Amino acid sequence: MKTSIYKSLVFWVIIGLILGVIVGACNPIKIGAIDNLAIWSKVFIDIFIKALKLLIGPIIFVMIILGILGLGDIKKVGSIGLKAVIYFEVVSTLALAIGIFMARVLQPGAGLNLDPTSLDAKSVEKYVSAASSDSASFLGVLKSAIPSDILSPFTEGKTLQVLFIALITAFIVVTLKEDDRNYIKRALEVLQAFVFKILTIVMYFSPLATFGAMAFLVQKYGISSLQNMVYLLVVMLISCLVFIFGILGLICFFAKINIFKFMRFIAKELLIVFTTSSSESALLPLMKKLEKAGVDKACVGLVLPTGYSFNLDCTNIYLALCVIFLAQAFNIDLSLWQEITILLILMVTSKGAVGVTGSGFIVLAGTLSSLGNDLIPVATVSILLGVDKFMSEMRACGNLCGNSVACVIVAVWNKQIDMDKFRYALDHPNEYRIQD
């Protein structure tokens, strides 16, 4: 048991967090040529963020194309795919709105008074010129979405340009012959596995980055700054619960489904997701369980996998919440129009989030790049490293709940579910355990 704990990334993130707080709370620690270990440890944050930014483009590019190729089955399953897309867009937008609303009402970043120039010296000039720049406007964002070349969007982490290239590529691939399309799809799946492997290796260094983030934060801004981080976790938790039992609960109510019974029904899959921080880890057992409970196989096969690219509801909450949190923490005033712009951009960039550890953080950095570094500098995300692992658990579990409900609701909407069998499954969840 101890061995499994020591192998857990969560365990080492917690260790890094504790050590970072201790080092940051102490008087400047000098080691050799290093005059202040806590301030110097910011180098870990910088390297970690640069590594993640390199992965933004490839991850979003591959996932968007594969997601759209998956929707190619819409011609065969007809109304299932169409209704799934409508449901995804409406509910994921509601999730984004909840994230912004909760951040505005509860204000987790208020009072931190952090200085963006302490994170990136070059950001001073851009930050001052924000008022005269149109890159933060919606029209400016649309203009910047068209790349001048193929490589720079990937090397510079320009998310919207990567999305533009991915959409064009997907459209071209869909028009190819089936054999050629399947060949390209297989190649992309191999590339996806390769990129995910790199991401996994990078995430092994997250405890070190967490140490640097906490040490720098506490040393620079004092131990009181941690109160806001804990409060941010609380706000994230409240937001996810409001979405699951409020929005999803209301949707289930109209479908005559008890949301509490449904959550109990998928409890084992939620536990798997919580321990792995990946909503994809429970995809296969969840699909089998829903099929056994009376949901049509075609509906399960289309809605659930597609939802892992286009319906990550609690990742949407995280993205919206953290963008507003960073604006509050660094005293960046956002107008109503800028918040609407953020909502519209997140409606697009959130589709590049995937169900693996750290992906939400990557897309957050990419979203800030899309907004323009002169509005909210990308470097500001470094202060979230210490708590992002814990928010990742919430995102993953919430995403599983959102996709599970989506599958059932689309099945009900399309009349492809045996409701008597499904209600029996909710009342007798122990009879529907899927063997590993």
Protein backbone atom coordinates (compact mmCIF):
# COMPACT_ATOMS: atom_id res chain seq x y z
CA MET A 1 0.00 0.00 0.00
CA LYS A 2 2.81 2.38 0.86
CA THR A 3 4.45 1.68 -2.49
CA SER A 4 1.29 2.70 -4.35
CA ILE A 5 1.11 5.92 -2.34
CA TYR A 6 4.70 6.79 -3.14
CA LYS A 7 4.03 6.17 -6.84
CA SER A 8 1.06 8.53 -6.81
CA LEU A 9 1.67 11.88 -8.50
CA VAL A 10 -0.83 13.46 -6.13
CA PHE A 11 1.35 12.43 -3.18
CA TRP A 12 4.43 14.12 -4.62
CA VAL A 13 2.48 17.22 -5.64
CA ILE A 14 1.36 17.54 -2.02
CA ILE A 15 4.96 17.10 -0.85
CA GLY A 16 6.12 19.75 -3.33
CA LEU A 17 3.36 22.09 -2.19
CA ILE A 18 4.23 21.68 1.51
CA LEU A 19 7.97 22.09 0.94
CA GLY A 20 7.32 25.13 -1.27
CA VAL A 21 5.23 26.80 1.42
CA ILE A 22 7.90 26.06 4.07
CA VAL A 23 10.75 27.39 1.93
CA GLY A 24 8.73 30.44 0.93
CA ALA A 25 7.73 31.21 4.52
CA CYS A 26 11.34 31.08 5.74
CA ASN A 27 13.76 33.94 5.52
CA PRO A 28 15.71 33.96 2.24
CA ILE A 29 17.65 30.69 2.04
CA LYS A 30 21.08 30.96 0.47
CA ILE A 31 22.69 27.96 -1.25
CA GLY A 32 25.99 28.57 -3.00
CA ALA A 33 25.51 31.25 -5.65
CA ILE A 34 21.75 31.28 -5.02
CA ASP A 35 20.92 34.19 -2.74
CA ASN A 36 17.23 33.35 -2.34
CA LEU A 37 16.13 29.77 -3.02
CA ALA A 38 12.41 30.62 -3.02
CA ILE A 39 12.73 33.35 -5.65
CA TRP A 40 15.25 31.36 -7.68
CA SER A 41 12.87 28.37 -7.78
CA LYS A 42 10.68 30.34 -10.19
CA VAL A 43 12.90 28.83 -12.89
CA PHE A 44 11.03 25.55 -12.37
CA ILE A 45 7.75 27.29 -13.19
CA ASP A 46 9.17 28.92 -16.33
CA ILE A 47 10.57 25.66 -17.71
CA PHE A 48 7.40 23.74 -16.90
CA ILE A 49 5.14 26.28 -18.62
CA LYS A 50 7.36 26.42 -21.70
CA ALA A 51 7.22 22.62 -21.95
CA LEU A 52 3.43 22.66 -21.67
CA LYS A 53 3.08 25.43 -24.26
CA LEU A 54 5.00 23.29 -26.75
CA LEU A 55 2.29 20.63 -26.38
CA ILE A 56 -0.69 22.96 -26.73
CA GLY A 57 -0.75 22.90 -30.53
CA PRO A 58 -0.24 19.17 -31.17
CA ILE A 59 -2.79 18.11 -28.54
CA ILE A 60 -5.54 20.43 -29.76
CA PHE A 61 -4.78 19.73 -33.43
CA VAL A 62 -5.02 15.96 -33.04
CA MET A 63 -8.05 15.92 -30.73
CA ILE A 64 -10.12 18.33 -32.82
CA ILE A 65 -9.52 16.37 -36.02
CA LEU A 66 -10.24 13.01 -34.39
CA GLY A 67 -13.36 14.44 -32.77
CA ILE A 68 -14.68 15.73 -36.11
CA LEU A 69 -13.79 12.47 -37.87
CA GLY A 70 -15.80 10.72 -35.15
CA LEU A 71 -18.73 12.96 -36.02
CA GLY A 72 -18.45 11.62 -39.57
CA ASP A 73 -20.71 8.83 -38.34
CA ILE A 74 -23.47 11.43 -38.10
CA LYS A 75 -24.56 10.38 -41.63
CA LYS A 76 -25.21 6.88 -40.38
CA VAL A 77 -26.71 7.56 -37.00
CA GLY A 78 -28.52 10.70 -38.20
CA SER A 79 -30.37 12.47 -35.44
CA ILE A 80 -28.15 11.05 -32.66
CA GLY A 81 -25.14 13.06 -33.78
CA LEU A 82 -27.11 16.22 -34.49
CA LYS A 83 -28.87 16.19 -31.12
CA ALA A 84 -25.59 15.38 -29.37
CA VAL A 85 -23.90 18.42 -30.96
CA ILE A 86 -26.81 20.69 -29.97
CA TYR A 87 -26.77 19.34 -26.42
CA PHE A 88 -22.98 19.68 -26.12
CA GLU A 89 -22.94 23.30 -27.24
CA VAL A 90 -25.85 24.42 -25.07
CA VAL A 91 -24.74 22.67 -21.86
CA SER A 92 -21.02 23.43 -22.25
CA THR A 93 -21.88 27.11 -22.77
CA LEU A 94 -23.97 27.03 -19.58
CA ALA A 95 -20.94 25.57 -17.80
CA LEU A 96 -18.77 28.44 -19.02
CA ALA A 97 -21.38 30.94 -17.87
CA ILE A 98 -21.47 29.33 -14.41
CA GLY A 99 -17.68 29.61 -14.15
CA ILE A 100 -17.73 33.30 -15.00
CA PHE A 101 -20.76 33.98 -12.77
CA MET A 102 -19.32 32.21 -9.71
CA ALA A 103 -15.99 33.98 -10.14
CA ARG A 104 -17.71 37.36 -10.37
CA VAL A 105 -19.96 36.74 -7.38
CA LEU A 106 -17.55 34.96 -4.99
CA GLN A 107 -14.38 36.76 -6.24
CA PRO A 108 -11.71 34.22 -5.21
CA GLY A 109 -8.88 36.39 -6.60
CA ALA A 110 -9.90 39.66 -4.97
CA GLY A 111 -7.36 41.11 -2.57
CA LEU A 112 -4.31 39.21 -3.85
CA ASN A 113 -2.96 42.32 -5.61
CA LEU A 114 -0.29 40.39 -7.51
CA ASP A 115 2.04 42.10 -9.95
CA PRO A 116 2.26 40.56 -13.44
CA THR A 117 5.60 42.25 -14.06
CA SER A 118 7.19 40.13 -11.33
CA LEU A 119 6.41 37.06 -13.44
CA ASP A 120 7.44 38.38 -16.82
CA ALA A 121 9.49 41.56 -17.14
CA LYS A 122 8.55 41.91 -20.83
CA SER A 123 4.86 41.99 -19.97
CA VAL A 124 5.05 45.58 -18.65
CA GLU A 125 5.14 47.21 -22.05
CA LYS A 126 2.39 44.95 -23.46
CA TYR A 127 0.25 45.37 -20.37
CA VAL A 128 0.34 49.15 -20.60
CA SER A 129 -0.55 49.10 -24.30
CA ALA A 130 -3.60 46.87 -23.78
CA ALA A 131 -6.06 49.74 -24.06
CA SER A 132 -4.91 50.65 -27.54
CA SER A 133 -4.58 47.09 -28.81
CA ASP A 134 -7.43 45.35 -30.62
CA SER A 135 -6.06 41.85 -30.05
CA ALA A 136 -8.32 41.46 -27.04
CA SER A 137 -11.42 42.39 -29.05
CA PHE A 138 -13.55 39.71 -30.67
CA LEU A 139 -12.89 41.09 -34.17
CA GLY A 140 -9.18 41.19 -33.46
CA VAL A 141 -9.27 37.57 -32.28
CA LEU A 142 -11.05 36.49 -35.47
CA LYS A 143 -8.40 38.22 -37.56
CA SER A 144 -5.59 36.60 -35.60
CA ALA A 145 -7.16 33.15 -36.06
CA ILE A 146 -5.80 32.93 -39.62
CA PRO A 147 -2.12 31.90 -39.49
CA SER A 148 0.58 33.37 -41.69
CA ASP A 149 2.36 30.01 -41.89
CA ILE A 150 1.85 26.40 -40.79
CA LEU A 151 4.53 26.00 -38.10
CA SER A 152 4.33 29.14 -35.95
CA PRO A 153 0.88 28.35 -34.45
CA PHE A 154 2.37 25.15 -33.02
CA THR A 155 5.72 26.54 -31.91
CA GLU A 156 4.19 29.69 -30.38
CA GLY A 157 1.11 28.05 -28.85
CA LYS A 158 -1.44 30.10 -30.83
CA THR A 159 -4.54 28.06 -30.03
CA LEU A 160 -7.07 29.66 -32.38
CA GLN A 161 -4.70 29.37 -35.33
CA VAL A 162 -4.16 25.70 -34.50
CA LEU A 163 -7.93 25.27 -34.38
CA PHE A 164 -8.26 26.95 -37.78
CA ILE A 165 -5.68 24.59 -39.30
CA ALA A 166 -7.31 21.59 -37.60
CA LEU A 167 -10.78 22.49 -38.93
CA ILE A 168 -9.50 22.93 -42.49
CA THR A 169 -7.53 19.68 -42.26
CA ALA A 170 -10.51 17.77 -40.86
CA PHE A 171 -12.77 19.09 -43.65
CA ILE A 172 -10.28 17.90 -46.28
CA VAL A 173 -9.84 14.49 -44.64
CA VAL A 174 -13.62 13.94 -44.47
CA THR A 175 -13.85 14.38 -48.25
CA LEU A 176 -11.28 11.63 -48.92
CA LYS A 177 -12.04 8.01 -49.72
CA GLU A 178 -12.90 5.84 -46.73
CA ASP A 179 -9.65 3.83 -46.91
CA ASP A 180 -7.53 6.98 -47.06
CA ARG A 181 -9.58 8.57 -44.28
CA ASN A 182 -9.12 5.56 -42.04
CA TYR A 183 -5.39 5.52 -42.74
CA ILE A 184 -5.04 9.17 -41.73
CA LYS A 185 -7.23 8.59 -38.68
CA ARG A 186 -5.00 5.73 -37.57
CA ALA A 187 -1.88 7.88 -38.08
CA LEU A 188 -3.45 10.63 -35.96
CA GLU A 189 -4.30 8.13 -33.21
CA VAL A 190 -0.65 7.05 -33.12
CA LEU A 191 0.41 10.71 -32.99
CA GLN A 192 -2.11 11.28 -30.20
CA ALA A 193 -0.64 8.41 -28.16
CA PHE A 194 2.86 9.82 -28.74
CA VAL A 195 1.91 13.34 -27.63
CA PHE A 196 0.05 12.02 -24.59
CA LYS A 197 3.16 10.05 -23.62
CA ILE A 198 5.23 13.22 -23.76
CA LEU A 199 2.58 15.01 -21.70
CA THR A 200 2.68 12.22 -19.12
CA ILE A 201 6.48 12.57 -18.83
CA VAL A 202 6.21 16.35 -18.48
CA MET A 203 3.58 15.97 -15.75
CA TYR A 204 6.05 13.90 -13.72
CA PHE A 205 7.83 17.20 -13.09
CA SER A 206 4.69 18.91 -11.80
CA PRO A 207 5.70 18.38 -8.12
CA LEU A 208 8.90 20.33 -8.80
CA ALA A 209 6.92 23.05 -10.56
CA THR A 210 4.47 23.08 -7.65
CA PHE A 211 7.36 23.55 -5.23
CA GLY A 212 8.66 26.49 -7.26
CA ALA A 213 5.21 28.06 -7.61
CA MET A 214 4.44 27.89 -3.89
CA ALA A 215 7.91 28.96 -2.76
CA PHE A 216 7.91 31.97 -5.09
CA LEU A 217 4.30 32.92 -4.27
CA VAL A 218 4.73 32.78 -0.49
CA GLN A 219 8.12 34.49 -0.49
CA LYS A 220 6.98 37.25 -2.86
CA TYR A 221 3.46 37.89 -1.58
CA GLY A 222 3.32 36.37 1.90
CA ILE A 223 1.65 33.35 3.49
CA SER A 224 -1.73 35.11 3.37
CA SER A 225 -1.82 34.60 -0.41
CA LEU A 226 -2.55 30.90 0.20
CA GLN A 227 -5.96 31.78 1.59
CA ASN A 228 -7.08 32.81 -1.88
CA MET A 229 -5.79 29.56 -3.37
CA VAL A 230 -7.79 27.49 -0.89
CA TYR A 231 -10.78 29.72 -1.52
CA LEU A 232 -10.36 29.15 -5.28
CA LEU A 233 -10.58 25.38 -4.69
CA VAL A 234 -13.75 25.91 -2.64
CA VAL A 235 -15.29 28.08 -5.36
CA MET A 236 -14.38 25.46 -7.99
CA LEU A 237 -15.99 22.73 -5.90
CA ILE A 238 -19.15 24.79 -5.34
CA SER A 239 -19.33 25.62 -9.05
CA CYS A 240 -19.04 21.95 -10.05
CA LEU A 241 -21.69 20.90 -7.53
CA VAL A 242 -24.03 23.67 -8.71
CA PHE A 243 -23.57 22.49 -12.28
CA ILE A 244 -24.00 18.78 -11.55
CA PHE A 245 -26.94 18.95 -9.15
CA GLY A 246 -28.37 22.21 -10.51
CA ILE A 247 -28.05 22.30 -14.30
CA LEU A 248 -27.67 18.55 -14.92
CA GLY A 249 -30.15 17.80 -12.14
CA LEU A 250 -32.75 20.04 -13.79
CA ILE A 251 -32.15 18.44 -17.19
CA CYS A 252 -32.53 14.98 -15.66
CA PHE A 253 -35.68 16.11 -13.82
CA PHE A 254 -37.39 16.96 -17.12
CA ALA A 255 -36.30 13.54 -18.42
CA LYS A 256 -37.81 11.99 -15.26
CA ILE A 257 -34.43 10.76 -14.02
CA ASN A 258 -33.22 11.15 -10.43
CA ILE A 259 -29.78 12.78 -10.57
CA PHE A 260 -28.81 11.46 -7.12
CA LYS A 261 -29.60 7.87 -8.11
CA PHE A 262 -27.69 8.34 -11.34
CA MET A 263 -24.61 9.61 -9.51
CA ARG A 264 -24.79 6.56 -7.26
CA PHE A 265 -25.07 4.37 -10.36
CA ILE A 266 -21.76 5.66 -11.80
CA ALA A 267 -20.01 5.90 -8.40
CA LYS A 268 -17.40 3.23 -9.23
CA GLU A 269 -16.42 5.00 -12.45
CA LEU A 270 -16.16 8.29 -10.55
CA LEU A 271 -13.76 6.63 -8.11
CA ILE A 272 -11.61 5.39 -11.01
CA VAL A 273 -11.51 8.90 -12.46
CA PHE A 274 -10.71 10.49 -9.10
CA THR A 275 -7.71 8.22 -8.53
CA THR A 276 -6.31 8.70 -12.05
CA SER A 277 -7.29 12.36 -12.67
CA SER A 278 -8.36 11.23 -16.14
CA SER A 279 -11.98 11.05 -17.22
CA GLU A 280 -10.92 8.80 -20.11
CA SER A 281 -9.77 6.06 -17.72
CA ALA A 282 -13.40 5.09 -17.05
CA LEU A 283 -14.65 5.43 -20.64
CA LEU A 284 -14.80 1.73 -21.52
CA PRO A 285 -16.43 0.47 -18.28
CA LEU A 286 -18.90 3.37 -18.41
CA MET A 287 -19.88 2.51 -21.98
CA LYS A 288 -20.45 -1.12 -21.04
CA LYS A 289 -22.46 -0.18 -17.97
CA LEU A 290 -24.77 2.21 -19.83
CA GLU A 291 -25.35 -0.33 -22.59
CA LYS A 292 -26.21 -2.98 -20.01
CA ALA A 293 -28.58 -0.51 -18.33
CA GLY A 294 -30.68 -0.11 -21.47
CA VAL A 295 -29.04 2.74 -23.43
CA ASP A 296 -28.77 1.98 -27.16
CA LYS A 297 -25.30 0.86 -28.22
CA ALA A 298 -25.17 3.24 -31.19
CA CYS A 299 -26.00 6.18 -28.93
CA VAL A 300 -23.37 5.19 -26.35
CA GLY A 301 -20.77 4.59 -29.06
CA LEU A 302 -21.22 8.03 -30.60
CA VAL A 303 -22.12 10.37 -27.75
CA LEU A 304 -19.63 9.31 -25.05
CA PRO A 305 -16.38 9.29 -27.11
CA THR A 306 -17.35 12.52 -28.90
CA GLY A 307 -18.15 14.13 -25.56
CA TYR A 308 -14.55 13.68 -24.45
CA SER A 309 -13.55 16.35 -26.98
CA PHE A 310 -16.67 18.49 -27.19
CA ASN A 311 -18.42 18.24 -23.82
CA LEU A 312 -15.93 18.68 -20.97
CA ASP A 313 -18.30 20.73 -18.84
CA CYS A 314 -16.28 21.07 -15.63
CA THR A 315 -13.15 21.83 -17.62
CA ASN A 316 -15.17 24.70 -19.08
CA ILE A 317 -16.05 25.85 -15.55
CA TYR A 318 -12.36 25.65 -14.62
CA LEU A 319 -11.27 27.67 -17.67
CA ALA A 320 -13.82 30.44 -17.17
CA LEU A 321 -13.31 30.56 -13.40
CA CYS A 322 -9.51 30.72 -13.64
CA VAL A 323 -9.46 33.41 -16.33
CA ILE A 324 -11.59 35.69 -14.13
CA PHE A 325 -9.60 34.65 -11.03
CA LEU A 326 -6.32 35.68 -12.69
CA ALA A 327 -7.83 38.99 -13.75
CA GLN A 328 -8.91 39.63 -10.15
CA ALA A 329 -5.60 38.47 -8.67
CA PHE A 330 -3.56 40.76 -10.92
CA ASN A 331 -6.01 43.68 -10.74
CA ILE A 332 -6.88 43.52 -14.43
CA ASP A 333 -10.27 45.15 -15.04
CA LEU A 334 -12.37 43.29 -17.58
CA SER A 335 -15.27 45.04 -19.24
CA LEU A 336 -18.57 43.27 -19.89
CA TRP A 337 -17.68 43.05 -23.58
CA GLN A 338 -14.30 41.50 -22.77
CA GLU A 339 -16.01 38.90 -20.58
CA ILE A 340 -18.41 38.10 -23.41
CA THR A 341 -15.40 37.82 -25.70
CA ILE A 342 -13.78 35.42 -23.22
CA LEU A 343 -16.97 33.34 -23.18
CA LEU A 344 -17.04 33.16 -27.00
CA ILE A 345 -13.35 32.23 -27.20
CA LEU A 346 -13.71 29.58 -24.50
CA MET A 347 -16.62 28.08 -26.46
CA VAL A 348 -14.01 27.28 -29.12
CA THR A 349 -10.78 26.67 -27.22
CA SER A 350 -12.47 24.46 -24.61
CA LYS A 351 -13.17 21.98 -27.39
CA GLY A 352 -9.43 21.29 -27.42
CA ALA A 353 -9.40 20.14 -23.81
CA VAL A 354 -8.97 16.42 -23.34
CA GLY A 355 -9.55 14.04 -20.46
CA VAL A 356 -5.94 13.64 -19.29
CA THR A 357 -4.04 15.16 -16.41
CA GLY A 358 -2.82 18.69 -17.08
CA SER A 359 -4.79 19.23 -20.29
CA GLY A 360 -7.09 21.83 -18.71
CA PHE A 361 -4.05 23.79 -17.59
CA ILE A 362 -2.62 23.59 -21.10
CA VAL A 363 -5.82 24.85 -22.70
CA LEU A 364 -6.01 27.65 -20.11
CA ALA A 365 -2.56 28.82 -21.17
CA GLY A 366 -3.61 28.54 -24.81
CA THR A 367 -6.77 30.53 -24.14
CA LEU A 368 -4.78 33.37 -22.58
CA SER A 369 -2.57 33.33 -25.67
CA SER A 370 -5.71 33.64 -27.80
CA LEU A 371 -6.91 36.59 -25.72
CA GLY A 372 -3.62 38.34 -26.33
CA ASN A 373 -0.75 38.39 -23.87
CA ASP A 374 -1.38 42.11 -23.42
CA LEU A 375 -4.72 41.46 -21.69
CA ILE A 376 -3.87 38.70 -19.21
CA PRO A 377 -0.20 37.62 -19.54
CA VAL A 378 0.19 33.87 -20.05
CA ALA A 379 2.83 33.78 -17.28
CA THR A 380 0.11 34.51 -14.69
CA VAL A 381 -1.07 30.88 -14.87
CA SER A 382 2.05 29.91 -12.91
CA ILE A 383 0.35 30.86 -9.63
CA LEU A 384 -2.21 28.09 -10.26
CA LEU A 385 0.35 25.29 -10.40
CA GLY A 386 0.17 24.62 -6.68
CA VAL A 387 -3.57 23.90 -6.73
CA ASP A 388 -4.13 22.78 -10.31
CA LYS A 389 -3.65 19.10 -9.45
CA PHE A 390 -6.53 19.25 -6.99
CA MET A 391 -8.70 21.13 -9.47
CA SER A 392 -7.84 18.44 -12.00
CA GLU A 393 -9.59 15.87 -9.80
CA MET A 394 -12.74 18.02 -9.79
CA ARG A 395 -12.56 18.57 -13.55
CA ALA A 396 -12.17 14.91 -14.35
CA CYS A 397 -15.01 13.74 -12.09
CA GLY A 398 -17.31 16.52 -13.25
CA ASN A 399 -16.55 15.77 -16.91
CA LEU A 400 -17.50 12.13 -16.39
CA CYS A 401 -20.81 13.19 -14.83
CA GLY A 402 -21.50 15.60 -17.69
CA ASN A 403 -20.76 13.08 -20.43
CA SER A 404 -22.74 10.32 -18.71
CA VAL A 405 -25.80 12.56 -18.41
CA ALA A 406 -25.34 13.74 -22.01
CA CYS A 407 -25.40 10.17 -23.30
CA VAL A 408 -28.57 9.32 -21.38
CA ILE A 409 -30.39 12.55 -22.30
CA VAL A 410 -29.58 12.22 -26.00
CA ALA A 411 -30.80 8.61 -25.83
CA VAL A 412 -34.04 9.75 -24.17
CA TRP A 413 -34.40 12.58 -26.68
CA ASN A 414 -33.92 10.16 -29.58
CA LYS A 415 -36.03 7.41 -27.95
CA GLN A 416 -33.14 4.96 -27.91
CA ILE A 417 -33.29 3.85 -24.31
CA ASP A 418 -35.27 1.24 -22.43
CA MET A 419 -36.51 3.43 -19.57
CA ASP A 420 -37.93 0.57 -17.50
CA LYS A 421 -34.60 -1.23 -17.64
CA PHE A 422 -32.70 2.00 -16.98
CA ARG A 423 -34.76 2.92 -13.91
CA TYR A 424 -34.32 -0.59 -12.56
CA ALA A 425 -30.56 -0.16 -12.99
CA LEU A 426 -30.62 3.09 -11.01
CA ASP A 427 -32.55 1.39 -8.21
CA HIS A 428 -30.25 -1.66 -8.19
CA PRO A 429 -26.76 -0.35 -9.08
CA ASN A 430 -24.96 -3.33 -7.51
CA GLU A 431 -26.47 -5.61 -10.14
CA TYR A 432 -24.84 -3.58 -12.89
CA ARG A 433 -21.20 -3.81 -11.91
CA ILE A 434 -18.97 -4.32 -14.91
CA GLN A 435 -16.19 -6.82 -14.37
CA ASP A 436 -12.70 -5.43 -14.94
